[in-house]
Amino acid sequence: MKIAITLLLYALAYGWGWRKLSGEGHRWRRLLLGCIMGYGVYLNLCGITDTPHLSLGLLYTAYFQPVGRAIIHWLGG
């Protein structure tokens, strides 16, 4: 039930955003809205079902933290 309510609310928000972006020249903005809303749905559903998911934080912890630690160690810290 929780998943159905979440999907319904995202669909309503997407419909509202679609109407706000009416007119010429908004094709790319509608595509961007769809991508952002789709990613939000993905993260929200993974959070509800406790499944592992890919996020921007994963890139930071996997690559940038070890590089930062190596640079600090290299500098003598």
C-alpha atoms as a PDB file:
ATOM      1  CA  MET A   1       0.000   0.000   0.000  1.00  0.00           C
ATOM      2  CA  LYS A   2       2.865   2.326   0.833  1.00  0.00           C
ATOM      3  CA  ILE A   3       4.412   1.774  -2.600  1.00  0.00           C
ATOM      4  CA  ALA A   4       1.120   2.480  -4.371  1.00  0.00           C
ATOM      5  CA  ILE A   5       0.639   5.748  -2.481  1.00  0.00           C
ATOM      6  CA  THR A   6       4.220   6.780  -3.240  1.00  0.00           C
ATOM      7  CA  LEU A   7       3.791   6.056  -6.955  1.00  0.00           C
ATOM      8  CA  LEU A   8       0.481   7.930  -7.018  1.00  0.00           C
ATOM      9  CA  LEU A   9       2.010  11.014  -5.399  1.00  0.00           C
ATOM     10  CA  TYR A  10       4.957  10.973  -7.786  1.00  0.00           C
ATOM     11  CA  ALA A  11       2.574  10.615 -10.742  1.00  0.00           C
ATOM     12  CA  LEU A  12       0.551  13.601  -9.522  1.00  0.00           C
ATOM     13  CA  ALA A  13       3.703  15.683  -9.066  1.00  0.00           C
ATOM     14  CA  TYR A  14       4.934  14.686 -12.516  1.00  0.00           C
ATOM     15  CA  GLY A  15       1.586  15.602 -14.079  1.00  0.00           C
ATOM     16  CA  TRP A  16       1.618  18.975 -12.344  1.00  0.00           C
ATOM     17  CA  GLY A  17       5.181  19.639 -13.526  1.00  0.00           C
ATOM     18  CA  TRP A  18       4.312  18.544 -17.068  1.00  0.00           C
ATOM     19  CA  ARG A  19       1.480  21.064 -17.214  1.00  0.00           C
ATOM     20  CA  LYS A  20       3.689  23.833 -15.839  1.00  0.00           C
ATOM     21  CA  LEU A  21       6.190  23.155 -18.636  1.00  0.00           C
ATOM     22  CA  SER A  22       3.674  23.516 -21.448  1.00  0.00           C
ATOM     23  CA  GLY A  23       4.454  25.450 -24.579  1.00  0.00           C
ATOM     24  CA  GLU A  24       7.204  25.422 -27.163  1.00  0.00           C
ATOM     25  CA  GLY A  25      10.815  24.818 -26.297  1.00  0.00           C
ATOM     26  CA  HIS A  26      10.191  22.860 -23.115  1.00  0.00           C
ATOM     27  CA  ARG A  27      10.943  19.397 -24.502  1.00  0.00           C
ATOM     28  CA  TRP A  28      14.354  19.153 -22.802  1.00  0.00           C
ATOM     29  CA  ARG A  29      12.981  20.514 -19.531  1.00  0.00           C
ATOM     30  CA  ARG A  30      10.251  17.883 -19.589  1.00  0.00           C
ATOM     31  CA  LEU A  31      12.871  15.209 -20.223  1.00  0.00           C
ATOM     32  CA  LEU A  32      14.945  16.534 -17.322  1.00  0.00           C
ATOM     33  CA  LEU A  33      11.852  16.562 -15.113  1.00  0.00           C
ATOM     34  CA  GLY A  34      11.165  12.945 -16.050  1.00  0.00           C
ATOM     35  CA  CYS A  35      14.746  11.911 -15.266  1.00  0.00           C
ATOM     36  CA  ILE A  36      14.756  13.660 -11.902  1.00  0.00           C
ATOM     37  CA  MET A  37      11.349  12.266 -10.962  1.00  0.00           C
ATOM     38  CA  GLY A  38      12.352   8.784 -12.119  1.00  0.00           C
ATOM     39  CA  TYR A  39      15.504   8.883  -9.999  1.00  0.00           C
ATOM     40  CA  GLY A  40      13.463  10.100  -7.041  1.00  0.00           C
ATOM     41  CA  VAL A  41      11.003   7.234  -7.461  1.00  0.00           C
ATOM     42  CA  TYR A  42      13.897   4.773  -7.690  1.00  0.00           C
ATOM     43  CA  LEU A  43      15.519   6.036  -4.489  1.00  0.00           C
ATOM     44  CA  ASN A  44      12.219   6.201  -2.636  1.00  0.00           C
ATOM     45  CA  LEU A  45      11.180   2.667  -3.603  1.00  0.00           C
ATOM     46  CA  CYS A  46      14.605   1.289  -2.687  1.00  0.00           C
ATOM     47  CA  GLY A  47      14.272   2.978   0.690  1.00  0.00           C
ATOM     48  CA  ILE A  48      10.823   1.501   1.280  1.00  0.00           C
ATOM     49  CA  THR A  49      11.866  -2.030   0.316  1.00  0.00           C
ATOM     50  CA  ASP A  50      15.349  -1.861   1.929  1.00  0.00           C
ATOM     51  CA  THR A  51      17.130  -2.846  -1.274  1.00  0.00           C
ATOM     52  CA  PRO A  52      20.629  -1.626  -2.096  1.00  0.00           C
ATOM     53  CA  HIS A  53      20.713   1.214  -4.586  1.00  0.00           C
ATOM     54  CA  LEU A  54      23.143   3.341  -6.549  1.00  0.00           C
ATOM     55  CA  SER A  55      23.447   6.955  -5.537  1.00  0.00           C
ATOM     56  CA  LEU A  56      25.781   9.890  -5.959  1.00  0.00           C
ATOM     57  CA  GLY A  57      27.117   9.281  -2.447  1.00  0.00           C
ATOM     58  CA  LEU A  58      28.396   5.886  -3.571  1.00  0.00           C
ATOM     59  CA  LEU A  59      30.699   7.569  -6.091  1.00  0.00           C
ATOM     60  CA  TYR A  60      32.082   9.796  -3.335  1.00  0.00           C
ATOM     61  CA  THR A  61      32.746   6.988  -0.862  1.00  0.00           C
ATOM     62  CA  ALA A  62      34.116   4.597  -3.482  1.00  0.00           C
ATOM     63  CA  TYR A  63      36.532   6.926  -5.278  1.00  0.00           C
ATOM     64  CA  PHE A  64      37.036  10.348  -3.744  1.00  0.00           C
ATOM     65  CA  GLN A  65      37.473   9.367  -0.083  1.00  0.00           C
ATOM     66  CA  PRO A  66      40.316   6.908  -0.753  1.00  0.00           C
ATOM     67  CA  VAL A  67      42.042   9.392  -3.043  1.00  0.00           C
ATOM     68  CA  GLY A  68      41.733  12.094  -0.390  1.00  0.00           C
ATOM     69  CA  ARG A  69      43.144   9.793   2.278  1.00  0.00           C
ATOM     70  CA  ALA A  70      46.057   8.885  -0.012  1.00  0.00           C
ATOM     71  CA  ILE A  71      46.837  12.548  -0.670  1.00  0.00           C
ATOM     72  CA  ILE A  72      46.717  13.367   3.052  1.00  0.00           C
ATOM     73  CA  HIS A  73      48.981  10.405   3.801  1.00  0.00           C
ATOM     74  CA  TRP A  74      51.333  11.462   0.994  1.00  0.00           C
ATOM     75  CA  LEU A  75      51.508  14.988   2.421  1.00  0.00           C
ATOM     76  CA  GLY A  76      52.492  13.583   5.823  1.00  0.00           C
ATOM     77  CA  GLY A  77      49.169  13.979   7.614  1.00  0.00           C
END
